Amino acid sequence: MARVLSPTRLRANLYRLLDEVLETGVPIEIERDGRRLRIVPVESASRLAALAPEPDYLPGDPEDIVHLDWSGEWRP
């Protein structure tokens, strides 16, 4: 459940309250002129989620790579 604050209380404790929202995930609501605003943490997406699929990047069958013999190239 979100905490409801006045703008004055938000202003007095802004950075502490923002840190609290980030740490706990609990939103804060600010009531102003009978209306409410909400501060909520936004989940950031994985950097890998932004990658576009490239099905033609690897020509051939990917299973062929699994069975490659690199023992002649490997040096300890």
PDB file of N, CA and C in Angstrom:
ATOM      1  N   MET A   1       0.850  -1.184   0.000  1.00  0.00           N
ATOM      2  CA  MET A   1       0.000   0.000   0.000  1.00  0.00           C
ATOM      3  C   MET A   1       0.895   1.246   0.000  1.00  0.00           C
ATOM      4  N   ALA A   2       0.584   2.190  -0.819  1.00  0.00           N
ATOM      5  CA  ALA A   2       1.379   3.401  -0.951  1.00  0.00           C
ATOM      6  C   ALA A   2       1.154   4.337   0.226  1.00  0.00           C
ATOM      7  N   ARG A   3       2.208   5.010   0.627  1.00  0.00           N
ATOM      8  CA  ARG A   3       2.088   6.060   1.647  1.00  0.00           C
ATOM      9  C   ARG A   3       1.630   7.329   0.961  1.00  0.00           C
ATOM     10  N   VAL A   4       0.786   8.101   1.645  1.00  0.00           N
ATOM     11  CA  VAL A   4       0.293   9.361   1.092  1.00  0.00           C
ATOM     12  C   VAL A   4       0.949  10.502   1.857  1.00  0.00           C
ATOM     13  N   LEU A   5       1.564  11.415   1.113  1.00  0.00           N
ATOM     14  CA  LEU A   5       2.274  12.536   1.706  1.00  0.00           C
ATOM     15  C   LEU A   5       1.773  13.852   1.124  1.00  0.00           C
ATOM     16  N   SER A   6       2.036  14.911   1.850  1.00  0.00           N
ATOM     17  CA  SER A   6       1.775  16.250   1.325  1.00  0.00           C
ATOM     18  C   SER A   6       3.000  16.687   0.526  1.00  0.00           C
ATOM     19  N   PRO A   7       2.831  17.641  -0.395  1.00  0.00           N
ATOM     20  CA  PRO A   7       3.999  18.147  -1.121  1.00  0.00           C
ATOM     21  C   PRO A   7       5.059  18.737  -0.195  1.00  0.00           C
ATOM     22  N   THR A   8       4.631  19.351   0.899  1.00  0.00           N
ATOM     23  CA  THR A   8       5.582  19.941   1.846  1.00  0.00           C
ATOM     24  C   THR A   8       6.462  18.861   2.472  1.00  0.00           C
ATOM     25  N   ARG A   9       5.850  17.757   2.867  1.00  0.00           N
ATOM     26  CA  ARG A   9       6.626  16.675   3.472  1.00  0.00           C
ATOM     27  C   ARG A   9       7.550  16.028   2.435  1.00  0.00           C
ATOM     28  N   LEU A  10       7.067  15.913   1.215  1.00  0.00           N
ATOM     29  CA  LEU A  10       7.917  15.378   0.147  1.00  0.00           C
ATOM     30  C   LEU A  10       9.133  16.268  -0.058  1.00  0.00           C
ATOM     31  N   ARG A  11       8.920  17.563  -0.139  1.00  0.00           N
ATOM     32  CA  ARG A  11      10.005  18.514  -0.369  1.00  0.00           C
ATOM     33  C   ARG A  11      11.036  18.444   0.759  1.00  0.00           C
ATOM     34  N   ALA A  12      10.571  18.320   1.993  1.00  0.00           N
ATOM     35  CA  ALA A  12      11.471  18.310   3.148  1.00  0.00           C
ATOM     36  C   ALA A  12      12.341  17.048   3.191  1.00  0.00           C
ATOM     37  N   ASN A  13      11.854  15.945   2.607  1.00  0.00           N
ATOM     38  CA  ASN A  13      12.555  14.662   2.713  1.00  0.00           C
ATOM     39  C   ASN A  13      12.753  13.990   1.352  1.00  0.00           C
ATOM     40  N   LEU A  14      12.849  14.770   0.299  1.00  0.00           N
ATOM     41  CA  LEU A  14      12.808  14.235  -1.053  1.00  0.00           C
ATOM     42  C   LEU A  14      13.798  13.098  -1.289  1.00  0.00           C
ATOM     43  N   TYR A  15      15.072  13.309  -1.036  1.00  0.00           N
ATOM     44  CA  TYR A  15      16.072  12.299  -1.364  1.00  0.00           C
ATOM     45  C   TYR A  15      15.940  11.058  -0.490  1.00  0.00           C
ATOM     46  N   ARG A  16      15.625  11.243   0.770  1.00  0.00           N
ATOM     47  CA  ARG A  16      15.426  10.085   1.641  1.00  0.00           C
ATOM     48  C   ARG A  16      14.232   9.267   1.175  1.00  0.00           C
ATOM     49  N   LEU A  17      13.144   9.932   0.788  1.00  0.00           N
ATOM     50  CA  LEU A  17      11.950   9.226   0.328  1.00  0.00           C
ATOM     51  C   LEU A  17      12.186   8.519  -1.002  1.00  0.00           C
ATOM     52  N   LEU A  18      12.916   9.162  -1.905  1.00  0.00           N
ATOM     53  CA  LEU A  18      13.233   8.513  -3.174  1.00  0.00           C
ATOM     54  C   LEU A  18      14.087   7.266  -2.957  1.00  0.00           C
ATOM     55  N   ASP A  19      15.068   7.360  -2.072  1.00  0.00           N
ATOM     56  CA  ASP A  19      15.892   6.192  -1.748  1.00  0.00           C
ATOM     57  C   ASP A  19      15.045   5.079  -1.142  1.00  0.00           C
ATOM     58  N   GLU A  20      14.090   5.457  -0.302  1.00  0.00           N
ATOM     59  CA  GLU A  20      13.204   4.478   0.333  1.00  0.00           C
ATOM     60  C   GLU A  20      12.363   3.743  -0.712  1.00  0.00           C
ATOM     61  N   VAL A  21      11.840   4.464  -1.684  1.00  0.00           N
ATOM     62  CA  VAL A  21      11.050   3.834  -2.749  1.00  0.00           C
ATOM     63  C   VAL A  21      11.916   2.864  -3.537  1.00  0.00           C
ATOM     64  N   LEU A  22      13.139   3.255  -3.846  1.00  0.00           N
ATOM     65  CA  LEU A  22      14.036   2.367  -4.585  1.00  0.00           C
ATOM     66  C   LEU A  22      14.406   1.121  -3.786  1.00  0.00           C
ATOM     67  N   GLU A  23      14.609   1.273  -2.495  1.00  0.00           N
ATOM     68  CA  GLU A  23      15.017   0.141  -1.652  1.00  0.00           C
ATOM     69  C   GLU A  23      13.875  -0.818  -1.386  1.00  0.00           C
ATOM     70  N   THR A  24      12.693  -0.282  -1.092  1.00  0.00           N
ATOM     71  CA  THR A  24      11.574  -1.131  -0.675  1.00  0.00           C
ATOM     72  C   THR A  24      10.642  -1.503  -1.815  1.00  0.00           C
ATOM     73  N   GLY A  25      10.592  -0.681  -2.859  1.00  0.00           N
ATOM     74  CA  GLY A  25       9.652  -0.928  -3.942  1.00  0.00           C
ATOM     75  C   GLY A  25       8.242  -0.437  -3.641  1.00  0.00           C
ATOM     76  N   VAL A  26       8.050   0.144  -2.459  1.00  0.00           N
ATOM     77  CA  VAL A  26       6.726   0.635  -2.057  1.00  0.00           C
ATOM     78  C   VAL A  26       6.535   2.049  -2.606  1.00  0.00           C
ATOM     79  N   PRO A  27       5.476   2.273  -3.402  1.00  0.00           N
ATOM     80  CA  PRO A  27       5.266   3.600  -3.977  1.00  0.00           C
ATOM     81  C   PRO A  27       4.880   4.641  -2.931  1.00  0.00           C
ATOM     82  N   ILE A  28       5.083   5.891  -3.293  1.00  0.00           N
ATOM     83  CA  ILE A  28       4.662   7.020  -2.461  1.00  0.00           C
ATOM     84  C   ILE A  28       3.678   7.835  -3.285  1.00  0.00           C
ATOM     85  N   GLU A  29       2.593   8.260  -2.648  1.00  0.00           N
ATOM     86  CA  GLU A  29       1.631   9.121  -3.320  1.00  0.00           C
ATOM     87  C   GLU A  29       1.676  10.500  -2.687  1.00  0.00           C
ATOM     88  N   ILE A  30       1.568  11.512  -3.537  1.00  0.00           N
ATOM     89  CA  ILE A  30       1.562  12.899  -3.074  1.00  0.00           C
ATOM     90  C   ILE A  30       0.193  13.456  -3.412  1.00  0.00           C
ATOM     91  N   GLU A  31      -0.476  13.967  -2.399  1.00  0.00           N
ATOM     92  CA  GLU A  31      -1.807  14.529  -2.629  1.00  0.00           C
ATOM     93  C   GLU A  31      -1.689  16.043  -2.759  1.00  0.00           C
ATOM     94  N   ARG A  32      -2.227  16.559  -3.870  1.00  0.00           N
ATOM     95  CA  ARG A  32      -2.177  17.997  -4.136  1.00  0.00           C
ATOM     96  C   ARG A  32      -3.494  18.405  -4.790  1.00  0.00           C
ATOM     97  N   ASP A  33      -4.168  19.358  -4.177  1.00  0.00           N
ATOM     98  CA  ASP A  33      -5.443  19.869  -4.688  1.00  0.00           C
ATOM     99  C   ASP A  33      -6.459  18.759  -4.944  1.00  0.00           C
ATOM    100  N   GLY A  34      -6.496  17.787  -4.038  1.00  0.00           N
ATOM    101  CA  GLY A  34      -7.470  16.709  -4.141  1.00  0.00           C
ATOM    102  C   GLY A  34      -7.120  15.629  -5.153  1.00  0.00           C
ATOM    103  N   ARG A  35      -5.974  15.728  -5.792  1.00  0.00           N
ATOM    104  CA  ARG A  35      -5.536  14.729  -6.753  1.00  0.00           C
ATOM    105  C   ARG A  35      -4.243  14.099  -6.264  1.00  0.00           C
ATOM    106  N   ARG A  36      -3.975  12.900  -6.742  1.00  0.00           N
ATOM    107  CA  ARG A  36      -2.783  12.180  -6.282  1.00  0.00           C
ATOM    108  C   ARG A  36      -1.812  11.919  -7.415  1.00  0.00           C
ATOM    109  N   LEU A  37      -0.554  12.060  -7.076  1.00  0.00           N
ATOM    110  CA  LEU A  37       0.551  11.701  -7.962  1.00  0.00           C
ATOM    111  C   LEU A  37       1.274  10.531  -7.311  1.00  0.00           C
ATOM    112  N   ARG A  38       1.843   9.661  -8.103  1.00  0.00           N
ATOM    113  CA  ARG A  38       2.500   8.477  -7.544  1.00  0.00           C
ATOM    114  C   ARG A  38       3.942   8.397  -8.020  1.00  0.00           C
ATOM    115  N   ILE A  39       4.829   8.128  -7.071  1.00  0.00           N
ATOM    116  CA  ILE A  39       6.237   7.859  -7.368  1.00  0.00           C
ATOM    117  C   ILE A  39       6.439   6.366  -7.169  1.00  0.00           C
ATOM    118  N   VAL A  40       6.790   5.684  -8.245  1.00  0.00           N
ATOM    119  CA  VAL A  40       6.971   4.232  -8.190  1.00  0.00           C
ATOM    120  C   VAL A  40       8.299   3.860  -8.843  1.00  0.00           C
ATOM    121  N   PRO A  41       8.929   2.808  -8.367  1.00  0.00           N
ATOM    122  CA  PRO A  41      10.160   2.364  -9.033  1.00  0.00           C
ATOM    123  C   PRO A  41       9.805   1.681 -10.351  1.00  0.00           C
ATOM    124  N   VAL A  42      10.617   1.898 -11.354  1.00  0.00           N
ATOM    125  CA  VAL A  42      10.427   1.271 -12.656  1.00  0.00           C
ATOM    126  C   VAL A  42      11.479   0.184 -12.799  1.00  0.00           C
ATOM    127  N   GLU A  43      11.034  -1.015 -13.114  1.00  0.00           N
ATOM    128  CA  GLU A  43      11.965  -2.117 -13.298  1.00  0.00           C
ATOM    129  C   GLU A  43      12.706  -1.908 -14.609  1.00  0.00           C
ATOM    130  N   SER A  44      14.003  -1.920 -14.531  1.00  0.00           N
ATOM    131  CA  SER A  44      14.781  -1.762 -15.758  1.00  0.00           C
ATOM    132  C   SER A  44      14.864  -3.107 -16.471  1.00  0.00           C
ATOM    133  N   ALA A  45      14.775  -3.044 -17.762  1.00  0.00           N
ATOM    134  CA  ALA A  45      14.843  -4.254 -18.569  1.00  0.00           C
ATOM    135  C   ALA A  45      16.298  -4.700 -18.703  1.00  0.00           C
ATOM    136  N   SER A  46      16.463  -5.947 -18.921  1.00  0.00           N
ATOM    137  CA  SER A  46      17.791  -6.493 -19.155  1.00  0.00           C
ATOM    138  C   SER A  46      18.364  -5.902 -20.436  1.00  0.00           C
ATOM    139  N   ARG A  47      19.643  -5.660 -20.445  1.00  0.00           N
ATOM    140  CA  ARG A  47      20.288  -5.137 -21.658  1.00  0.00           C
ATOM    141  C   ARG A  47      20.143  -6.133 -22.807  1.00  0.00           C
ATOM    142  N   LEU A  48      20.094  -7.409 -22.488  1.00  0.00           N
ATOM    143  CA  LEU A  48      19.944  -8.417 -23.530  1.00  0.00           C
ATOM    144  C   LEU A  48      18.540  -8.411 -24.118  1.00  0.00           C
ATOM    145  N   ALA A  49      17.549  -7.961 -23.346  1.00  0.00           N
ATOM    146  CA  ALA A  49      16.175  -7.913 -23.836  1.00  0.00           C
ATOM    147  C   ALA A  49      16.024  -6.924 -24.990  1.00  0.00           C
ATOM    148  N   ALA A  50      16.913  -5.950 -25.088  1.00  0.00           N
ATOM    149  CA  ALA A  50      16.829  -4.937 -26.143  1.00  0.00           C
ATOM    150  C   ALA A  50      17.425  -5.420 -27.464  1.00  0.00           C
ATOM    151  N   LEU A  51      18.089  -6.568 -27.453  1.00  0.00           N
ATOM    152  CA  LEU A  51      18.695  -7.068 -28.682  1.00  0.00           C
ATOM    153  C   LEU A  51      17.625  -7.574 -29.649  1.00  0.00           C
ATOM    154  N   ALA A  52      17.775  -7.208 -30.891  1.00  0.00           N
ATOM    155  CA  ALA A  52      16.862  -7.701 -31.924  1.00  0.00           C
ATOM    156  C   ALA A  52      17.351  -9.062 -32.404  1.00  0.00           C
ATOM    157  N   PRO A  53      16.445  -9.981 -32.666  1.00  0.00           N
ATOM    158  CA  PRO A  53      16.876 -11.287 -33.171  1.00  0.00           C
ATOM    159  C   PRO A  53      17.490 -11.154 -34.561  1.00  0.00           C
ATOM    160  N   GLU A  54      18.540 -11.897 -34.789  1.00  0.00           N
ATOM    161  CA  GLU A  54      19.230 -11.915 -36.080  1.00  0.00           C
ATOM    162  C   GLU A  54      19.327 -13.373 -36.544  1.00  0.00           C
ATOM    163  N   PRO A  55      18.241 -13.908 -37.087  1.00  0.00           N
ATOM    164  CA  PRO A  55      18.248 -15.339 -37.431  1.00  0.00           C
ATOM    165  C   PRO A  55      19.247 -15.711 -38.519  1.00  0.00           C
ATOM    166  N   ASP A  56      19.644 -14.765 -39.357  1.00  0.00           N
ATOM    167  CA  ASP A  56      20.576 -15.076 -40.444  1.00  0.00           C
ATOM    168  C   ASP A  56      22.021 -14.747 -40.090  1.00  0.00           C
ATOM    169  N   TYR A  57      22.296 -14.420 -38.846  1.00  0.00           N
ATOM    170  CA  TYR A  57      23.647 -14.043 -38.433  1.00  0.00           C
ATOM    171  C   TYR A  57      24.621 -15.208 -38.583  1.00  0.00           C
ATOM    172  N   LEU A  58      24.168 -16.379 -38.242  1.00  0.00           N
ATOM    173  CA  LEU A  58      25.024 -17.563 -38.295  1.00  0.00           C
ATOM    174  C   LEU A  58      24.556 -18.444 -39.446  1.00  0.00           C
ATOM    175  N   PRO A  59      25.285 -18.418 -40.550  1.00  0.00           N
ATOM    176  CA  PRO A  59      24.855 -19.275 -41.661  1.00  0.00           C
ATOM    177  C   PRO A  59      25.097 -20.739 -41.325  1.00  0.00           C
ATOM    178  N   GLY A  60      24.220 -21.578 -41.732  1.00  0.00           N
ATOM    179  CA  GLY A  60      24.384 -23.004 -41.486  1.00  0.00           C
ATOM    180  C   GLY A  60      23.633 -23.458 -40.251  1.00  0.00           C
ATOM    181  N   ASP A  61      23.906 -24.661 -39.856  1.00  0.00           N
ATOM    182  CA  ASP A  61      23.227 -25.284 -38.719  1.00  0.00           C
ATOM    183  C   ASP A  61      24.022 -25.019 -37.438  1.00  0.00           C
ATOM    184  N   PRO A  62      23.413 -24.397 -36.431  1.00  0.00           N
ATOM    185  CA  PRO A  62      24.127 -24.140 -35.171  1.00  0.00           C
ATOM    186  C   PRO A  62      24.648 -25.402 -34.498  1.00  0.00           C
ATOM    187  N   GLU A  63      24.024 -26.531 -34.754  1.00  0.00           N
ATOM    188  CA  GLU A  63      24.483 -27.796 -34.164  1.00  0.00           C
ATOM    189  C   GLU A  63      25.886 -28.168 -34.658  1.00  0.00           C
ATOM    190  N   ASP A  64      26.248 -27.677 -35.857  1.00  0.00           N
ATOM    191  CA  ASP A  64      27.588 -27.970 -36.384  1.00  0.00           C
ATOM    192  C   ASP A  64      28.678 -27.352 -35.507  1.00  0.00           C
ATOM    193  N   ILE A  65      28.402 -26.222 -34.892  1.00  0.00           N
ATOM    194  CA  ILE A  65      29.376 -25.550 -34.027  1.00  0.00           C
ATOM    195  C   ILE A  65      29.634 -26.356 -32.764  1.00  0.00           C
ATOM    196  N   VAL A  66      28.600 -26.991 -32.263  1.00  0.00           N
ATOM    197  CA  VAL A  66      28.721 -27.764 -31.024  1.00  0.00           C
ATOM    198  C   VAL A  66      29.745 -28.884 -31.180  1.00  0.00           C
ATOM    199  N   HIS A  67      29.832 -29.437 -32.357  1.00  0.00           N
ATOM    200  CA  HIS A  67      30.682 -30.604 -32.568  1.00  0.00           C
ATOM    201  C   HIS A  67      32.025 -30.269 -33.225  1.00  0.00           C
ATOM    202  N   LEU A  68      32.430 -29.012 -33.237  1.00  0.00           N
ATOM    203  CA  LEU A  68      33.731 -28.640 -33.788  1.00  0.00           C
ATOM    204  C   LEU A  68      34.859 -29.167 -32.905  1.00  0.00           C
ATOM    205  N   ASP A  69      35.932 -29.593 -33.504  1.00  0.00           N
ATOM    206  CA  ASP A  69      37.092 -30.077 -32.762  1.00  0.00           C
ATOM    207  C   ASP A  69      38.162 -28.986 -32.778  1.00  0.00           C
ATOM    208  N   TRP A  70      38.371 -28.360 -31.628  1.00  0.00           N
ATOM    209  CA  TRP A  70      39.358 -27.282 -31.498  1.00  0.00           C
ATOM    210  C   TRP A  70      40.634 -27.762 -30.830  1.00  0.00           C
ATOM    211  N   SER A  71      40.778 -29.066 -30.626  1.00  0.00           N
ATOM    212  CA  SER A  71      41.932 -29.564 -29.882  1.00  0.00           C
ATOM    213  C   SER A  71      43.260 -29.232 -30.576  1.00  0.00           C
ATOM    214  N   GLY A  72      43.281 -29.126 -31.883  1.00  0.00           N
ATOM    215  CA  GLY A  72      44.506 -28.770 -32.602  1.00  0.00           C
ATOM    216  C   GLY A  72      44.869 -27.301 -32.448  1.00  0.00           C
ATOM    217  N   GLU A  73      43.936 -26.455 -32.096  1.00  0.00           N
ATOM    218  CA  GLU A  73      44.159 -25.016 -31.940  1.00  0.00           C
ATOM    219  C   GLU A  73      44.461 -24.597 -30.508  1.00  0.00           C
ATOM    220  N   TRP A  74      44.112 -25.447 -29.568  1.00  0.00           N
ATOM    221  CA  TRP A  74      44.205 -25.075 -28.149  1.00  0.00           C
ATOM    222  C   TRP A  74      45.641 -25.205 -27.647  1.00  0.00           C
ATOM    223  N   ARG A  75      46.108 -24.174 -26.944  1.00  0.00           N
ATOM    224  CA  ARG A  75      47.455 -24.192 -26.327  1.00  0.00           C
ATOM    225  C   ARG A  75      47.288 -23.929 -24.844  1.00  0.00           C
ATOM    226  N   PRO A  76      47.843 -24.798 -23.990  1.00  0.00           N
ATOM    227  CA  PRO A  76      47.729 -24.572 -22.528  1.00  0.00           C
ATOM    228  C   PRO A  76      48.549 -23.390 -22.052  1.00  0.00           C
TER     229      PRO A  76
END
